[in-house]
């Protein structure tokens, strides 16, 4: 086969690949996120690429003789969450555009330059779409696990995720970063596998290192504006609050969600007096962002929290110390999902 024919086949295949990936992303923005502006941007990108998909490139196609049609990878056979579908298709589009940019230099320099600019646009759209996806997951989440040190941490978290757990925060106040990093990486991989959001407590640098979905900050941690400058708009930031004044400050700083508590006395925060159910009632009436009641909550007192308006909770011991974390997560979720919305 001549070089021009080979180049034409490469361009044809990657134009198909990029347009197919863009269509997947467009469909999610349209039907999943109900985002008209993002939908229109993906449609426009597809149409721009279609202008370069000319008859001569299509004529070079040889699907029966293409050895790549029989190649696959186990990860391509299963997607466990929408986030995985989106990430896979963003990668597909970006890789295809890069190939078009390089081989387009031989076939048509204007195509190469167009694909270079399109690739930069897709990078920006990736941040926007993943931010929307994370925010949508946050809105839907009701059960949030804050981890505690445990030699069986990874098996416990995995079991809880199997029970439907929707958010995990890695909280480790002691130890070395060389130990924290691989644990955080493994927790992040587990959350990706089960379609849950993953947060790091306090540490913006560690959250960036493992590509966490966000960070949770206490009252003495970084200002939210500083964390936002480092994390970007595509990741989520939570803030602990113990009273209406701290809530107002967190909202003014732009927190994506807040913790409300401790509702009951808890050994996790021995220096914090219980905020009680009155603050839960206040949050239910006044918080415009998702909020999670936290502090000493378990299956025995969850009904009280829900009666006060708390239909999202963060727990530690109720899952970390459970004999069966899968059953514990499932039971808490079942109870929370019974709350009127």
C-alpha atoms as a PDB file:
ATOM      1  CA  UNK A   1       0.000   0.000   0.000  1.00  0.00           C
ATOM      2  CA  UNK A   2       1.355   3.439  -0.909  1.00  0.00           C
ATOM      3  CA  UNK A   3       2.155   6.050   1.695  1.00  0.00           C
ATOM      4  CA  UNK A   4      -0.715   8.347   0.620  1.00  0.00           C
ATOM      5  CA  UNK A   5      -3.193   5.465   1.021  1.00  0.00           C
ATOM      6  CA  UNK A   6      -1.810   4.635   4.468  1.00  0.00           C
ATOM      7  CA  UNK A   7      -2.066   8.257   5.582  1.00  0.00           C
ATOM      8  CA  UNK A   8      -5.612   8.470   4.251  1.00  0.00           C
ATOM      9  CA  UNK A   9      -6.602   5.359   6.244  1.00  0.00           C
ATOM     10  CA  UNK A  10      -5.097   6.817   9.422  1.00  0.00           C
ATOM     11  CA  UNK A  11      -6.940  10.097   8.932  1.00  0.00           C
ATOM     12  CA  UNK A  12     -10.221   8.338   8.127  1.00  0.00           C
ATOM     13  CA  UNK A  13      -9.985   6.086  11.190  1.00  0.00           C
ATOM     14  CA  UNK A  14      -9.176   8.930  13.549  1.00  0.00           C
ATOM     15  CA  UNK A  15     -11.861  11.213  12.163  1.00  0.00           C
ATOM     16  CA  UNK A  16     -14.343   8.402  12.817  1.00  0.00           C
ATOM     17  CA  UNK A  17     -12.908   7.816  16.284  1.00  0.00           C
ATOM     18  CA  UNK A  18     -12.995  11.484  17.263  1.00  0.00           C
ATOM     19  CA  UNK A  19     -16.525  12.042  15.946  1.00  0.00           C
ATOM     20  CA  UNK A  20     -17.840   8.909  17.669  1.00  0.00           C
ATOM     21  CA  UNK A  21     -16.296   9.956  20.988  1.00  0.00           C
ATOM     22  CA  UNK A  22     -17.718  13.454  20.636  1.00  0.00           C
ATOM     23  CA  UNK A  23     -21.160  12.000  20.015  1.00  0.00           C
ATOM     24  CA  UNK A  24     -21.001   9.970  23.249  1.00  0.00           C
ATOM     25  CA  UNK A  25     -20.039  13.109  25.170  1.00  0.00           C
ATOM     26  CA  UNK A  26     -22.710  15.158  23.412  1.00  0.00           C
ATOM     27  CA  UNK A  27     -25.386  12.614  24.311  1.00  0.00           C
ATOM     28  CA  UNK A  28     -24.481  12.724  27.996  1.00  0.00           C
ATOM     29  CA  UNK A  29     -24.506  16.534  28.076  1.00  0.00           C
ATOM     30  CA  UNK A  30     -27.904  16.477  26.365  1.00  0.00           C
ATOM     31  CA  UNK A  31     -29.685  13.670  28.188  1.00  0.00           C
ATOM     32  CA  UNK A  32     -27.651  13.237  31.387  1.00  0.00           C
ATOM     33  CA  UNK A  33     -26.708  16.771  32.358  1.00  0.00           C
ATOM     34  CA  UNK A  34     -29.493  18.601  30.480  1.00  0.00           C
ATOM     35  CA  UNK A  35     -26.853  21.143  29.503  1.00  0.00           C
ATOM     36  CA  UNK A  36     -27.863  22.837  26.273  1.00  0.00           C
ATOM     37  CA  UNK A  37     -24.746  24.978  25.942  1.00  0.00           C
ATOM     38  CA  UNK A  38     -22.338  22.081  26.382  1.00  0.00           C
ATOM     39  CA  UNK A  39     -24.431  19.935  24.035  1.00  0.00           C
ATOM     40  CA  UNK A  40     -24.207  22.624  21.356  1.00  0.00           C
ATOM     41  CA  UNK A  41     -20.429  22.894  21.761  1.00  0.00           C
ATOM     42  CA  UNK A  42     -19.910  19.167  21.207  1.00  0.00           C
ATOM     43  CA  UNK A  43     -22.261  19.182  18.233  1.00  0.00           C
ATOM     44  CA  UNK A  44     -20.323  22.083  16.726  1.00  0.00           C
ATOM     45  CA  UNK A  45     -17.023  20.214  17.155  1.00  0.00           C
ATOM     46  CA  UNK A  46     -18.481  17.145  15.430  1.00  0.00           C
ATOM     47  CA  UNK A  47     -19.665  19.249  12.521  1.00  0.00           C
ATOM     48  CA  UNK A  48     -16.279  20.931  12.160  1.00  0.00           C
ATOM     49  CA  UNK A  49     -14.570  17.560  11.968  1.00  0.00           C
ATOM     50  CA  UNK A  50     -17.144  16.297   9.489  1.00  0.00           C
ATOM     51  CA  UNK A  51     -16.045  19.003   7.047  1.00  0.00           C
ATOM     52  CA  UNK A  52     -12.616  17.360   6.885  1.00  0.00           C
ATOM     53  CA  UNK A  53     -13.987  13.838   6.459  1.00  0.00           C
ATOM     54  CA  UNK A  54     -13.910  13.974   2.682  1.00  0.00           C
ATOM     55  CA  UNK A  55     -14.806  11.319   0.104  1.00  0.00           C
ATOM     56  CA  UNK A  56     -11.177  10.552  -0.737  1.00  0.00           C
ATOM     57  CA  UNK A  57     -10.421   9.673   2.892  1.00  0.00           C
ATOM     58  CA  UNK A  58     -13.515   7.480   3.165  1.00  0.00           C
ATOM     59  CA  UNK A  59     -12.580   5.724  -0.067  1.00  0.00           C
ATOM     60  CA  UNK A  60      -9.278   4.609   1.465  1.00  0.00           C
ATOM     61  CA  UNK A  61     -11.067   2.696   4.237  1.00  0.00           C
ATOM     62  CA  UNK A  62     -10.383  -1.051   4.416  1.00  0.00           C
ATOM     63  CA  UNK A  63     -12.271  -2.383   7.412  1.00  0.00           C
ATOM     64  CA  UNK A  64     -11.925  -6.118   6.508  1.00  0.00           C
ATOM     65  CA  UNK A  65      -8.165  -5.701   6.154  1.00  0.00           C
ATOM     66  CA  UNK A  66      -7.671  -3.656   9.322  1.00  0.00           C
ATOM     67  CA  UNK A  67      -5.848  -5.717  11.998  1.00  0.00           C
ATOM     68  CA  UNK A  68      -7.013  -3.265  14.678  1.00  0.00           C
ATOM     69  CA  UNK A  69     -10.633  -4.411  14.494  1.00  0.00           C
ATOM     70  CA  UNK A  70      -9.790  -7.596  16.420  1.00  0.00           C
ATOM     71  CA  UNK A  71      -7.776  -5.866  19.143  1.00  0.00           C
ATOM     72  CA  UNK A  72      -9.421  -5.078  22.485  1.00  0.00           C
ATOM     73  CA  UNK A  73      -8.598  -4.617  26.144  1.00  0.00           C
ATOM     74  CA  UNK A  74     -10.444  -5.980  29.217  1.00  0.00           C
ATOM     75  CA  UNK A  75     -11.083  -2.428  30.482  1.00  0.00           C
ATOM     76  CA  UNK A  76     -13.004  -1.629  27.293  1.00  0.00           C
ATOM     77  CA  UNK A  77     -15.565  -4.338  28.000  1.00  0.00           C
ATOM     78  CA  UNK A  78     -16.943  -2.864  31.198  1.00  0.00           C
ATOM     79  CA  UNK A  79     -17.655   0.628  32.466  1.00  0.00           C
ATOM     80  CA  UNK A  80     -18.802   0.790  36.077  1.00  0.00           C
ATOM     81  CA  UNK A  81     -19.914   4.426  36.052  1.00  0.00           C
ATOM     82  CA  UNK A  82     -20.832   7.342  33.824  1.00  0.00           C
ATOM     83  CA  UNK A  83     -17.616   9.045  34.915  1.00  0.00           C
ATOM     84  CA  UNK A  84     -15.609   6.167  33.423  1.00  0.00           C
ATOM     85  CA  UNK A  85     -17.552   6.409  30.167  1.00  0.00           C
ATOM     86  CA  UNK A  86     -16.894  10.142  29.964  1.00  0.00           C
ATOM     87  CA  UNK A  87     -13.197   9.844  30.806  1.00  0.00           C
ATOM     88  CA  UNK A  88     -12.667   7.052  28.280  1.00  0.00           C
ATOM     89  CA  UNK A  89     -14.299   9.053  25.513  1.00  0.00           C
ATOM     90  CA  UNK A  90     -12.439  12.249  26.304  1.00  0.00           C
ATOM     91  CA  UNK A  91      -9.205  10.245  26.053  1.00  0.00           C
ATOM     92  CA  UNK A  92     -10.379   8.706  22.776  1.00  0.00           C
ATOM     93  CA  UNK A  93     -11.150  12.096  21.254  1.00  0.00           C
ATOM     94  CA  UNK A  94      -7.932  13.728  22.456  1.00  0.00           C
ATOM     95  CA  UNK A  95      -5.752  10.865  21.197  1.00  0.00           C
ATOM     96  CA  UNK A  96      -7.512  10.839  17.841  1.00  0.00           C
ATOM     97  CA  UNK A  97      -7.070  14.598  17.436  1.00  0.00           C
ATOM     98  CA  UNK A  98      -3.382  14.288  18.218  1.00  0.00           C
ATOM     99  CA  UNK A  99      -2.964  11.630  15.541  1.00  0.00           C
ATOM    100  CA  UNK A 100      -4.907  13.790  13.081  1.00  0.00           C
ATOM    101  CA  UNK A 101      -2.690  16.740  13.943  1.00  0.00           C
ATOM    102  CA  UNK A 102       0.522  14.804  13.266  1.00  0.00           C
ATOM    103  CA  UNK A 103      -0.459  12.893  10.128  1.00  0.00           C
ATOM    104  CA  UNK A 104      -2.463  15.857   8.871  1.00  0.00           C
ATOM    105  CA  UNK A 105       0.828  17.717   8.459  1.00  0.00           C
ATOM    106  CA  UNK A 106       1.601  15.361   5.581  1.00  0.00           C
ATOM    107  CA  UNK A 107      -1.861  15.289   4.013  1.00  0.00           C
ATOM    108  CA  UNK A 108      -3.226  18.767   4.653  1.00  0.00           C
ATOM    109  CA  UNK A 109      -1.528  21.307   6.978  1.00  0.00           C
ATOM    110  CA  UNK A 110      -4.810  23.168   7.523  1.00  0.00           C
ATOM    111  CA  UNK A 111      -6.385  19.964   8.870  1.00  0.00           C
ATOM    112  CA  UNK A 112      -3.435  19.590  11.239  1.00  0.00           C
ATOM    113  CA  UNK A 113      -3.809  23.112  12.579  1.00  0.00           C
ATOM    114  CA  UNK A 114      -7.578  22.758  12.928  1.00  0.00           C
ATOM    115  CA  UNK A 115      -7.195  19.545  14.961  1.00  0.00           C
ATOM    116  CA  UNK A 116      -4.584  21.166  17.176  1.00  0.00           C
ATOM    117  CA  UNK A 117      -7.026  23.952  18.077  1.00  0.00           C
ATOM    118  CA  UNK A 118      -9.874  21.470  18.515  1.00  0.00           C
ATOM    119  CA  UNK A 119      -7.753  19.443  20.933  1.00  0.00           C
ATOM    120  CA  UNK A 120      -7.257  22.482  23.165  1.00  0.00           C
ATOM    121  CA  UNK A 121     -11.013  23.124  23.113  1.00  0.00           C
ATOM    122  CA  UNK A 122     -11.679  19.523  24.136  1.00  0.00           C
ATOM    123  CA  UNK A 123      -9.273  19.853  27.091  1.00  0.00           C
ATOM    124  CA  UNK A 124     -11.322  22.824  28.315  1.00  0.00           C
ATOM    125  CA  UNK A 125     -14.595  20.984  27.764  1.00  0.00           C
ATOM    126  CA  UNK A 126     -13.256  17.999  29.692  1.00  0.00           C
ATOM    127  CA  UNK A 127     -12.786  20.156  32.785  1.00  0.00           C
ATOM    128  CA  UNK A 128     -16.266  21.647  32.407  1.00  0.00           C
ATOM    129  CA  UNK A 129     -18.072  18.354  31.828  1.00  0.00           C
ATOM    130  CA  UNK A 130     -16.290  16.496  34.607  1.00  0.00           C
ATOM    131  CA  UNK A 131     -17.109  19.373  36.960  1.00  0.00           C
ATOM    132  CA  UNK A 132     -20.790  19.088  36.013  1.00  0.00           C
ATOM    133  CA  UNK A 133     -20.621  15.319  36.455  1.00  0.00           C
ATOM    134  CA  UNK A 134     -19.041  15.608  39.895  1.00  0.00           C
ATOM    135  CA  UNK A 135     -21.564  18.213  40.991  1.00  0.00           C
ATOM    136  CA  UNK A 136     -24.428  16.021  39.805  1.00  0.00           C
ATOM    137  CA  UNK A 137     -23.027  13.081  41.785  1.00  0.00           C
ATOM    138  CA  UNK A 138     -22.676  15.321  44.822  1.00  0.00           C
ATOM    139  CA  UNK A 139     -26.304  16.406  44.535  1.00  0.00           C
ATOM    140  CA  UNK A 140     -27.451  12.795  44.415  1.00  0.00           C
ATOM    141  CA  UNK A 141     -25.191  11.432  47.191  1.00  0.00           C
ATOM    142  CA  UNK A 142     -26.688  10.716  50.604  1.00  0.00           C
ATOM    143  CA  UNK A 143     -24.081   8.554  52.339  1.00  0.00           C
ATOM    144  CA  UNK A 144     -20.509   9.773  52.910  1.00  0.00           C
ATOM    145  CA  UNK A 145     -17.815   7.742  54.650  1.00  0.00           C
ATOM    146  CA  UNK A 146     -14.997   9.546  56.441  1.00  0.00           C
ATOM    147  CA  UNK A 147     -12.282   6.975  57.021  1.00  0.00           C
ATOM    148  CA  UNK A 148     -10.457   6.291  60.260  1.00  0.00           C
ATOM    149  CA  UNK A 149      -7.072   4.566  60.613  1.00  0.00           C
ATOM    150  CA  UNK A 150      -7.561   0.842  60.257  1.00  0.00           C
ATOM    151  CA  UNK A 151      -5.250  -1.988  59.149  1.00  0.00           C
ATOM    152  CA  UNK A 152      -8.142  -3.266  57.005  1.00  0.00           C
ATOM    153  CA  UNK A 153      -8.985   0.152  55.573  1.00  0.00           C
ATOM    154  CA  UNK A 154      -9.056  -0.878  51.909  1.00  0.00           C
ATOM    155  CA  UNK A 155     -11.213  -4.017  52.398  1.00  0.00           C
ATOM    156  CA  UNK A 156     -13.630  -2.051  54.608  1.00  0.00           C
ATOM    157  CA  UNK A 157     -14.019   0.743  52.060  1.00  0.00           C
ATOM    158  CA  UNK A 158     -14.435  -1.728  49.222  1.00  0.00           C
ATOM    159  CA  UNK A 159     -17.123  -3.586  51.148  1.00  0.00           C
ATOM    160  CA  UNK A 160     -18.932  -0.323  51.903  1.00  0.00           C
ATOM    161  CA  UNK A 161     -18.801   0.675  48.242  1.00  0.00           C
ATOM    162  CA  UNK A 162     -20.358  -2.661  47.368  1.00  0.00           C
ATOM    163  CA  UNK A 163     -23.229  -1.656  49.647  1.00  0.00           C
ATOM    164  CA  UNK A 164     -23.868   1.512  47.636  1.00  0.00           C
ATOM    165  CA  UNK A 165     -21.659   4.069  49.426  1.00  0.00           C
ATOM    166  CA  UNK A 166     -21.480   7.205  47.249  1.00  0.00           C
ATOM    167  CA  UNK A 167     -18.674   9.319  48.752  1.00  0.00           C
ATOM    168  CA  UNK A 168     -15.413   8.540  50.538  1.00  0.00           C
ATOM    169  CA  UNK A 169     -13.092  10.917  52.364  1.00  0.00           C
ATOM    170  CA  UNK A 170      -9.589   9.711  53.203  1.00  0.00           C
ATOM    171  CA  UNK A 171      -8.749  11.156  56.632  1.00  0.00           C
ATOM    172  CA  UNK A 172      -5.357  10.349  58.128  1.00  0.00           C
ATOM    173  CA  UNK A 173      -3.852  12.843  60.573  1.00  0.00           C
ATOM    174  CA  UNK A 174      -0.658  10.974  61.463  1.00  0.00           C
ATOM    175  CA  UNK A 175       2.026   9.164  59.515  1.00  0.00           C
ATOM    176  CA  UNK A 176       4.211   9.914  56.523  1.00  0.00           C
ATOM    177  CA  UNK A 177       3.201  11.006  53.057  1.00  0.00           C
ATOM    178  CA  UNK A 178       5.096   8.083  51.566  1.00  0.00           C
ATOM    179  CA  UNK A 179       2.530   5.891  53.335  1.00  0.00           C
ATOM    180  CA  UNK A 180      -0.485   8.100  52.642  1.00  0.00           C
ATOM    181  CA  UNK A 181       0.095   8.394  48.902  1.00  0.00           C
ATOM    182  CA  UNK A 182      -0.261   4.702  47.896  1.00  0.00           C
ATOM    183  CA  UNK A 183      -3.289   4.299  50.176  1.00  0.00           C
ATOM    184  CA  UNK A 184      -4.916   7.368  48.632  1.00  0.00           C
ATOM    185  CA  UNK A 185      -4.162   6.032  45.150  1.00  0.00           C
ATOM    186  CA  UNK A 186      -5.772   2.698  45.956  1.00  0.00           C
ATOM    187  CA  UNK A 187      -8.817   4.351  47.517  1.00  0.00           C
ATOM    188  CA  UNK A 188      -9.159   6.560  44.453  1.00  0.00           C
ATOM    189  CA  UNK A 189      -9.060   3.505  42.195  1.00  0.00           C
ATOM    190  CA  UNK A 190     -11.728   1.772  44.301  1.00  0.00           C
ATOM    191  CA  UNK A 191     -14.000   4.807  44.132  1.00  0.00           C
ATOM    192  CA  UNK A 192     -13.551   5.003  40.369  1.00  0.00           C
ATOM    193  CA  UNK A 193     -14.389   1.318  40.087  1.00  0.00           C
ATOM    194  CA  UNK A 194     -17.650   1.763  41.984  1.00  0.00           C
ATOM    195  CA  UNK A 195     -18.574   5.203  40.658  1.00  0.00           C
ATOM    196  CA  UNK A 196     -18.173   7.021  43.988  1.00  0.00           C
ATOM    197  CA  UNK A 197     -16.698  10.456  44.656  1.00  0.00           C
ATOM    198  CA  UNK A 198     -13.315  10.507  46.416  1.00  0.00           C
ATOM    199  CA  UNK A 199     -12.087  13.304  48.685  1.00  0.00           C
ATOM    200  CA  UNK A 200      -8.923  13.951  50.636  1.00  0.00           C
ATOM    201  CA  UNK A 201      -9.152  15.504  54.087  1.00  0.00           C
ATOM    202  CA  UNK A 202      -7.215  18.781  54.433  1.00  0.00           C
ATOM    203  CA  UNK A 203      -4.480  18.052  51.899  1.00  0.00           C
ATOM    204  CA  UNK A 204      -4.881  19.875  48.589  1.00  0.00           C
ATOM    205  CA  UNK A 205      -1.478  18.654  47.393  1.00  0.00           C
ATOM    206  CA  UNK A 206      -2.382  15.015  47.990  1.00  0.00           C
ATOM    207  CA  UNK A 207      -5.765  15.511  46.317  1.00  0.00           C
ATOM    208  CA  UNK A 208      -3.993  16.817  43.218  1.00  0.00           C
ATOM    209  CA  UNK A 209      -1.408  14.046  43.314  1.00  0.00           C
ATOM    210  CA  UNK A 210      -4.021  11.287  43.149  1.00  0.00           C
ATOM    211  CA  UNK A 211      -6.543  13.215  41.008  1.00  0.00           C
ATOM    212  CA  UNK A 212      -9.188  13.100  43.722  1.00  0.00           C
ATOM    213  CA  UNK A 213     -12.628  14.527  43.044  1.00  0.00           C
ATOM    214  CA  UNK A 214     -12.077  17.125  45.702  1.00  0.00           C
ATOM    215  CA  UNK A 215     -10.862  18.075  49.139  1.00  0.00           C
ATOM    216  CA  UNK A 216     -12.564  18.554  52.496  1.00  0.00           C
ATOM    217  CA  UNK A 217     -11.294  21.437  54.625  1.00  0.00           C
ATOM    218  CA  UNK A 218     -11.674  22.066  58.339  1.00  0.00           C
ATOM    219  CA  UNK A 219     -12.053  25.498  59.887  1.00  0.00           C
ATOM    220  CA  UNK A 220      -8.292  25.807  60.437  1.00  0.00           C
ATOM    221  CA  UNK A 221      -7.303  24.648  56.948  1.00  0.00           C
ATOM    222  CA  UNK A 222      -6.599  26.630  53.791  1.00  0.00           C
ATOM    223  CA  UNK A 223      -9.051  29.345  52.738  1.00  0.00           C
ATOM    224  CA  UNK A 224     -11.406  28.000  50.091  1.00  0.00           C
ATOM    225  CA  UNK A 225     -10.219  30.634  47.581  1.00  0.00           C
ATOM    226  CA  UNK A 226      -6.642  29.383  47.896  1.00  0.00           C
ATOM    227  CA  UNK A 227      -7.715  25.749  47.543  1.00  0.00           C
ATOM    228  CA  UNK A 228      -9.838  26.684  44.508  1.00  0.00           C
ATOM    229  CA  UNK A 229      -6.901  28.425  42.851  1.00  0.00           C
ATOM    230  CA  UNK A 230      -4.874  25.232  43.210  1.00  0.00           C
ATOM    231  CA  UNK A 231      -7.607  22.686  42.416  1.00  0.00           C
ATOM    232  CA  UNK A 232      -9.438  24.561  39.657  1.00  0.00           C
ATOM    233  CA  UNK A 233     -13.179  24.779  39.105  1.00  0.00           C
ATOM    234  CA  UNK A 234     -13.544  21.146  38.061  1.00  0.00           C
ATOM    235  CA  UNK A 235     -12.982  19.726  41.557  1.00  0.00           C
ATOM    236  CA  UNK A 236     -15.202  19.974  44.618  1.00  0.00           C
ATOM    237  CA  UNK A 237     -14.438  21.626  47.942  1.00  0.00           C
ATOM    238  CA  UNK A 238     -16.207  20.890  51.211  1.00  0.00           C
ATOM    239  CA  UNK A 239     -15.948  22.730  54.521  1.00  0.00           C
ATOM    240  CA  UNK A 240     -16.719  21.607  58.078  1.00  0.00           C
ATOM    241  CA  UNK A 241     -19.082  23.916  59.979  1.00  0.00           C
ATOM    242  CA  UNK A 242     -20.377  23.834  63.553  1.00  0.00           C
ATOM    243  CA  UNK A 243     -22.764  26.812  63.666  1.00  0.00           C
ATOM    244  CA  UNK A 244     -24.694  29.239  61.439  1.00  0.00           C
ATOM    245  CA  UNK A 245     -21.844  31.761  61.391  1.00  0.00           C
ATOM    246  CA  UNK A 246     -19.361  29.190  60.055  1.00  0.00           C
ATOM    247  CA  UNK A 247     -21.949  28.061  57.517  1.00  0.00           C
ATOM    248  CA  UNK A 248     -22.403  31.622  56.275  1.00  0.00           C
ATOM    249  CA  UNK A 249     -18.630  32.037  55.940  1.00  0.00           C
ATOM    250  CA  UNK A 250     -18.222  28.749  54.071  1.00  0.00           C
ATOM    251  CA  UNK A 251     -21.010  29.687  51.654  1.00  0.00           C
ATOM    252  CA  UNK A 252     -19.531  33.158  51.108  1.00  0.00           C
ATOM    253  CA  UNK A 253     -16.173  31.551  50.269  1.00  0.00           C
ATOM    254  CA  UNK A 254     -17.798  29.268  47.712  1.00  0.00           C
ATOM    255  CA  UNK A 255     -17.917  25.835  49.347  1.00  0.00           C
ATOM    256  CA  UNK A 256     -19.552  23.217  47.111  1.00  0.00           C
ATOM    257  CA  UNK A 257     -20.898  21.371  50.147  1.00  0.00           C
ATOM    258  CA  UNK A 258     -20.656  21.653  53.921  1.00  0.00           C
ATOM    259  CA  UNK A 259     -20.461  19.332  56.882  1.00  0.00           C
ATOM    260  CA  UNK A 260     -22.970  20.117  59.643  1.00  0.00           C
ATOM    261  CA  UNK A 261     -22.021  18.978  63.122  1.00  0.00           C
ATOM    262  CA  UNK A 262     -20.909  17.262  65.188  1.00  0.00           C
ATOM    263  CA  UNK A 263     -24.548  16.411  65.740  1.00  0.00           C
ATOM    264  CA  UNK A 264     -23.674  14.109  68.640  1.00  0.00           C
ATOM    265  CA  UNK A 265     -20.513  13.821  70.729  1.00  0.00           C
ATOM    266  CA  UNK A 266     -17.924  11.759  68.873  1.00  0.00           C
ATOM    267  CA  UNK A 267     -14.389  10.524  69.612  1.00  0.00           C
ATOM    268  CA  UNK A 268     -13.399  11.606  66.109  1.00  0.00           C
ATOM    269  CA  UNK A 269     -13.723  15.229  67.285  1.00  0.00           C
ATOM    270  CA  UNK A 270     -13.132  15.015  71.069  1.00  0.00           C
ATOM    271  CA  UNK A 271     -12.484  18.777  71.349  1.00  0.00           C
ATOM    272  CA  UNK A 272     -15.764  19.745  69.642  1.00  0.00           C
ATOM    273  CA  UNK A 273     -18.969  20.168  71.611  1.00  0.00           C
ATOM    274  CA  UNK A 274     -22.001  18.609  69.962  1.00  0.00           C
ATOM    275  CA  UNK A 275     -23.835  21.104  67.749  1.00  0.00           C
ATOM    276  CA  UNK A 276     -27.047  19.164  68.233  1.00  0.00           C
ATOM    277  CA  UNK A 277     -30.149  18.775  66.142  1.00  0.00           C
ATOM    278  CA  UNK A 278     -30.956  22.498  66.227  1.00  0.00           C
ATOM    279  CA  UNK A 279     -28.113  23.150  63.817  1.00  0.00           C
ATOM    280  CA  UNK A 280     -29.354  20.324  61.596  1.00  0.00           C
ATOM    281  CA  UNK A 281     -32.758  22.046  61.496  1.00  0.00           C
ATOM    282  CA  UNK A 282     -31.078  25.348  60.677  1.00  0.00           C
ATOM    283  CA  UNK A 283     -29.103  23.786  57.808  1.00  0.00           C
ATOM    284  CA  UNK A 284     -32.255  22.170  56.439  1.00  0.00           C
ATOM    285  CA  UNK A 285     -33.884  25.587  56.235  1.00  0.00           C
ATOM    286  CA  UNK A 286     -30.938  27.725  55.153  1.00  0.00           C
ATOM    287  CA  UNK A 287     -28.232  25.859  53.217  1.00  0.00           C
ATOM    288  CA  UNK A 288     -28.407  26.397  49.439  1.00  0.00           C
ATOM    289  CA  UNK A 289     -25.681  23.775  48.824  1.00  0.00           C
ATOM    290  CA  UNK A 290     -25.641  20.062  49.661  1.00  0.00           C
ATOM    291  CA  UNK A 291     -24.864  19.450  53.330  1.00  0.00           C
ATOM    292  CA  UNK A 292     -24.076  16.357  55.342  1.00  0.00           C
ATOM    293  CA  UNK A 293     -24.969  15.919  58.990  1.00  0.00           C
ATOM    294  CA  UNK A 294     -21.939  14.425  60.724  1.00  0.00           C
ATOM    295  CA  UNK A 295     -20.809  13.390  64.175  1.00  0.00           C
ATOM    296  CA  UNK A 296     -21.814  10.274  66.074  1.00  0.00           C
ATOM    297  CA  UNK A 297     -24.522   9.300  63.574  1.00  0.00           C
ATOM    298  CA  UNK A 298     -25.424   5.625  63.253  1.00  0.00           C
ATOM    299  CA  UNK A 299     -28.383   3.402  62.509  1.00  0.00           C
ATOM    300  CA  UNK A 300     -29.746   3.905  66.031  1.00  0.00           C
ATOM    301  CA  UNK A 301     -30.057   7.700  65.857  1.00  0.00           C
ATOM    302  CA  UNK A 302     -30.369   8.296  62.109  1.00  0.00           C
ATOM    303  CA  UNK A 303     -34.169   8.603  62.388  1.00  0.00           C
ATOM    304  CA  UNK A 304     -33.723  11.585  64.734  1.00  0.00           C
ATOM    305  CA  UNK A 305     -31.376  13.275  62.283  1.00  0.00           C
ATOM    306  CA  UNK A 306     -33.778  12.665  59.418  1.00  0.00           C
ATOM    307  CA  UNK A 307     -36.696  14.021  61.433  1.00  0.00           C
ATOM    308  CA  UNK A 308     -34.687  17.225  61.861  1.00  0.00           C
ATOM    309  CA  UNK A 309     -34.277  17.484  58.081  1.00  0.00           C
ATOM    310  CA  UNK A 310     -31.022  15.643  57.499  1.00  0.00           C
ATOM    311  CA  UNK A 311     -31.287  13.378  54.462  1.00  0.00           C
ATOM    312  CA  UNK A 312     -27.515  13.316  53.798  1.00  0.00           C
ATOM    313  CA  UNK A 313     -25.115  12.022  56.428  1.00  0.00           C
ATOM    314  CA  UNK A 314     -21.411  11.453  56.856  1.00  0.00           C
ATOM    315  CA  UNK A 315     -20.351   8.624  59.142  1.00  0.00           C
ATOM    316  CA  UNK A 316     -17.165   7.129  60.501  1.00  0.00           C
ATOM    317  CA  UNK A 317     -17.693   4.378  63.104  1.00  0.00           C
ATOM    318  CA  UNK A 318     -21.084   3.302  61.717  1.00  0.00           C
ATOM    319  CA  UNK A 319     -19.216   1.791  58.774  1.00  0.00           C
ATOM    320  CA  UNK A 320     -15.553   1.564  59.830  1.00  0.00           C
ATOM    321  CA  UNK A 321     -16.433  -0.476  62.941  1.00  0.00           C
ATOM    322  CA  UNK A 322     -19.315  -2.432  61.435  1.00  0.00           C
ATOM    323  CA  UNK A 323     -19.091  -6.222  61.385  1.00  0.00           C
ATOM    324  CA  UNK A 324     -20.416  -6.119  57.823  1.00  0.00           C
ATOM    325  CA  UNK A 325     -19.655  -2.775  56.101  1.00  0.00           C
ATOM    326  CA  UNK A 326     -21.641  -3.769  53.010  1.00  0.00           C
ATOM    327  CA  UNK A 327     -24.788  -4.454  55.017  1.00  0.00           C
ATOM    328  CA  UNK A 328     -24.217  -1.360  57.176  1.00  0.00           C
ATOM    329  CA  UNK A 329     -23.953   0.898  54.111  1.00  0.00           C
ATOM    330  CA  UNK A 330     -26.968  -0.693  52.482  1.00  0.00           C
ATOM    331  CA  UNK A 331     -29.069  -0.300  55.656  1.00  0.00           C
ATOM    332  CA  UNK A 332     -28.148   3.358  56.121  1.00  0.00           C
ATOM    333  CA  UNK A 333     -28.868   4.131  52.476  1.00  0.00           C
ATOM    334  CA  UNK A 334     -32.196   2.351  52.590  1.00  0.00           C
ATOM    335  CA  UNK A 335     -33.192   4.462  55.557  1.00  0.00           C
ATOM    336  CA  UNK A 336     -31.977   7.713  53.940  1.00  0.00           C
ATOM    337  CA  UNK A 337     -33.666   7.009  50.641  1.00  0.00           C
ATOM    338  CA  UNK A 338     -36.981   6.646  52.420  1.00  0.00           C
ATOM    339  CA  UNK A 339     -36.863  10.349  53.362  1.00  0.00           C
ATOM    340  CA  UNK A 340     -39.237  12.643  51.419  1.00  0.00           C
ATOM    341  CA  UNK A 341     -37.458  14.946  48.954  1.00  0.00           C
END
